[in-house]
């Protein structure tokens, strides 16, 4: 498999996780932020926008890999 196909699959999975499970991602962010003594600053809508952006990147990478 070409590297760009693998990258597109990774972005696809990340985008789908951000779109369908934003509450779990926020919980994980809070947990990691507590461990690193940082504050969390993303909202559920921001996570959905990031998910859409990841899906767009996945499609572009997949189309580039198939050409």
N, C-alpha and C. Protein backbone atom coordinates (compact mmCIF):
# COMPACT_ATOMS: atom_id res chain seq x y z
N UNK A 1 0.83 -1.19 0.00
CA UNK A 1 0.00 0.00 0.00
C UNK A 1 0.87 1.25 0.00
N UNK A 2 0.40 2.22 -0.69
CA UNK A 2 1.14 3.47 -0.74
C UNK A 2 0.98 4.24 0.57
N UNK A 3 1.97 5.03 0.90
CA UNK A 3 1.95 5.76 2.17
C UNK A 3 0.78 6.73 2.27
N UNK A 4 0.43 7.36 1.17
CA UNK A 4 -0.67 8.33 1.21
C UNK A 4 -2.02 7.65 1.45
N UNK A 5 -2.17 6.41 1.02
CA UNK A 5 -3.41 5.68 1.30
C UNK A 5 -3.50 5.40 2.80
N UNK A 6 -2.38 5.01 3.39
CA UNK A 6 -2.37 4.76 4.83
C UNK A 6 -2.65 6.04 5.60
N UNK A 7 -2.06 7.13 5.15
CA UNK A 7 -2.32 8.42 5.81
C UNK A 7 -3.78 8.82 5.68
N UNK A 8 -4.36 8.58 4.52
CA UNK A 8 -5.77 8.94 4.34
C UNK A 8 -6.67 8.11 5.24
N UNK A 9 -6.33 6.85 5.44
CA UNK A 9 -7.12 6.00 6.35
C UNK A 9 -7.01 6.51 7.77
N UNK A 10 -5.81 6.94 8.18
CA UNK A 10 -5.62 7.48 9.53
C UNK A 10 -6.46 8.75 9.72
N UNK A 11 -6.42 9.65 8.74
CA UNK A 11 -7.22 10.87 8.83
C UNK A 11 -8.71 10.55 8.80
N UNK A 12 -9.12 9.56 8.04
CA UNK A 12 -10.53 9.16 7.98
C UNK A 12 -11.01 8.67 9.34
N UNK A 13 -10.22 7.82 9.97
CA UNK A 13 -10.59 7.30 11.29
C UNK A 13 -10.64 8.43 12.31
N UNK A 14 -9.64 9.31 12.29
CA UNK A 14 -9.63 10.43 13.24
C UNK A 14 -10.83 11.35 13.02
N UNK A 15 -11.16 11.62 11.77
CA UNK A 15 -12.31 12.48 11.49
C UNK A 15 -13.62 11.86 11.93
N UNK A 16 -13.77 10.57 11.70
CA UNK A 16 -15.00 9.89 12.13
C UNK A 16 -15.13 9.84 13.64
N UNK A 17 -14.01 9.63 14.32
CA UNK A 17 -14.05 9.61 15.79
C UNK A 17 -14.43 10.99 16.31
N UNK A 18 -13.87 12.04 15.75
CA UNK A 18 -14.21 13.39 16.20
C UNK A 18 -15.66 13.74 15.90
N UNK A 19 -16.20 13.25 14.81
CA UNK A 19 -17.60 13.56 14.46
C UNK A 19 -18.60 12.78 15.29
N UNK A 20 -18.33 11.49 15.50
CA UNK A 20 -19.32 10.64 16.15
C UNK A 20 -19.16 10.51 17.65
N UNK A 21 -17.97 10.80 18.18
CA UNK A 21 -17.73 10.63 19.62
C UNK A 21 -17.07 11.85 20.24
N UNK A 22 -17.64 13.05 20.09
CA UNK A 22 -16.96 14.24 20.64
C UNK A 22 -16.91 14.25 22.17
N UNK A 23 -17.90 13.65 22.83
CA UNK A 23 -17.89 13.65 24.29
C UNK A 23 -16.74 12.82 24.83
N UNK A 24 -16.46 11.70 24.19
CA UNK A 24 -15.35 10.86 24.65
C UNK A 24 -14.01 11.54 24.38
N UNK A 25 -13.92 12.25 23.28
CA UNK A 25 -12.68 12.97 22.97
C UNK A 25 -12.47 14.09 23.98
N UNK A 26 -13.54 14.77 24.36
CA UNK A 26 -13.42 15.84 25.36
C UNK A 26 -13.02 15.27 26.71
N UNK A 27 -13.56 14.10 27.08
CA UNK A 27 -13.16 13.46 28.33
C UNK A 27 -11.68 13.12 28.32
N UNK A 28 -11.20 12.59 27.19
CA UNK A 28 -9.80 12.26 27.07
C UNK A 28 -8.94 13.52 27.15
N UNK A 29 -9.38 14.60 26.52
CA UNK A 29 -8.64 15.85 26.57
C UNK A 29 -8.55 16.37 28.00
N UNK A 30 -9.65 16.28 28.74
CA UNK A 30 -9.63 16.72 30.13
C UNK A 30 -8.67 15.88 30.96
N UNK A 31 -8.67 14.58 30.74
CA UNK A 31 -7.77 13.69 31.48
C UNK A 31 -6.31 14.01 31.19
N UNK A 32 -5.98 14.18 29.93
CA UNK A 32 -4.60 14.48 29.55
C UNK A 32 -4.21 15.87 30.03
N UNK A 33 -5.13 16.83 29.96
CA UNK A 33 -4.83 18.19 30.41
C UNK A 33 -4.56 18.22 31.91
N UNK A 34 -5.29 17.43 32.68
CA UNK A 34 -5.03 17.36 34.12
C UNK A 34 -3.66 16.79 34.40
N UNK A 35 -3.28 15.76 33.65
CA UNK A 35 -1.98 15.14 33.86
C UNK A 35 -0.83 16.08 33.47
N UNK A 36 -1.07 16.93 32.47
CA UNK A 36 -0.04 17.86 32.01
C UNK A 36 -0.15 19.24 32.65
N UNK A 37 -1.11 19.39 33.56
CA UNK A 37 -1.35 20.67 34.24
C UNK A 37 -1.62 21.79 33.25
N UNK A 38 -2.45 21.51 32.28
CA UNK A 38 -2.84 22.48 31.26
C UNK A 38 -4.36 22.67 31.31
N UNK A 39 -4.83 23.69 30.61
CA UNK A 39 -6.28 23.88 30.50
C UNK A 39 -6.74 23.45 29.11
N UNK A 40 -7.97 23.03 29.03
CA UNK A 40 -8.56 22.57 27.78
C UNK A 40 -9.38 23.70 27.20
N UNK A 41 -9.30 23.89 25.89
CA UNK A 41 -9.98 25.05 25.31
C UNK A 41 -10.80 24.72 24.06
N UNK A 42 -11.18 23.46 23.86
CA UNK A 42 -11.96 23.16 22.66
C UNK A 42 -13.40 22.81 23.04
N UNK A 43 -14.31 23.19 22.18
CA UNK A 43 -15.73 22.93 22.41
C UNK A 43 -16.19 21.80 21.48
N UNK A 44 -17.38 21.26 21.72
CA UNK A 44 -17.88 20.20 20.82
C UNK A 44 -18.02 20.64 19.37
N UNK A 45 -18.39 21.89 19.14
CA UNK A 45 -18.50 22.34 17.76
C UNK A 45 -17.12 22.46 17.11
N UNK A 46 -16.13 22.85 17.87
CA UNK A 46 -14.77 22.92 17.32
C UNK A 46 -14.28 21.52 16.96
N UNK A 47 -14.63 20.53 17.76
CA UNK A 47 -14.24 19.16 17.46
C UNK A 47 -14.93 18.66 16.19
N UNK A 48 -16.18 19.06 15.99
CA UNK A 48 -16.88 18.65 14.77
C UNK A 48 -16.25 19.30 13.54
N UNK A 49 -15.85 20.56 13.66
CA UNK A 49 -15.17 21.22 12.54
C UNK A 49 -13.82 20.56 12.24
N UNK A 50 -13.10 20.18 13.29
CA UNK A 50 -11.84 19.47 13.08
C UNK A 50 -12.08 18.13 12.41
N UNK A 51 -13.16 17.45 12.79
CA UNK A 51 -13.51 16.18 12.16
C UNK A 51 -13.80 16.33 10.69
N UNK A 52 -14.54 17.38 10.34
CA UNK A 52 -14.83 17.65 8.93
C UNK A 52 -13.55 17.96 8.17
N UNK A 53 -12.66 18.74 8.78
CA UNK A 53 -11.39 19.06 8.13
C UNK A 53 -10.56 17.80 7.92
N UNK A 54 -10.54 16.90 8.91
CA UNK A 54 -9.81 15.64 8.76
C UNK A 54 -10.40 14.79 7.65
N UNK A 55 -11.71 14.77 7.52
CA UNK A 55 -12.33 14.01 6.43
C UNK A 55 -11.96 14.58 5.06
N UNK A 56 -11.91 15.90 4.96
CA UNK A 56 -11.52 16.52 3.70
C UNK A 56 -10.07 16.18 3.36
N UNK A 57 -9.19 16.23 4.36
CA UNK A 57 -7.80 15.87 4.14
C UNK A 57 -7.69 14.40 3.72
N UNK A 58 -8.49 13.54 4.32
CA UNK A 58 -8.47 12.12 3.97
C UNK A 58 -8.88 11.90 2.52
N UNK A 59 -9.91 12.60 2.08
CA UNK A 59 -10.36 12.46 0.69
C UNK A 59 -9.30 12.96 -0.28
N UNK A 60 -8.70 14.10 0.04
CA UNK A 60 -7.67 14.66 -0.84
C UNK A 60 -6.47 13.72 -0.91
N UNK A 61 -6.02 13.19 0.22
CA UNK A 61 -4.89 12.25 0.21
C UNK A 61 -5.23 10.99 -0.56
N UNK A 62 -6.43 10.48 -0.41
CA UNK A 62 -6.81 9.27 -1.11
C UNK A 62 -6.85 9.51 -2.63
N UNK A 63 -7.41 10.64 -3.03
CA UNK A 63 -7.45 10.96 -4.46
C UNK A 63 -6.05 11.17 -5.01
N UNK A 64 -5.16 11.77 -4.24
CA UNK A 64 -3.78 11.95 -4.68
C UNK A 64 -3.06 10.61 -4.79
N UNK A 65 -3.35 9.71 -3.89
CA UNK A 65 -2.68 8.40 -3.89
C UNK A 65 -3.14 7.53 -5.05
N UNK A 66 -4.39 7.69 -5.47
CA UNK A 66 -4.90 6.83 -6.54
C UNK A 66 -4.50 7.32 -7.93
N UNK A 67 -4.05 8.55 -8.04
CA UNK A 67 -3.62 9.07 -9.36
C UNK A 67 -2.18 8.78 -9.63
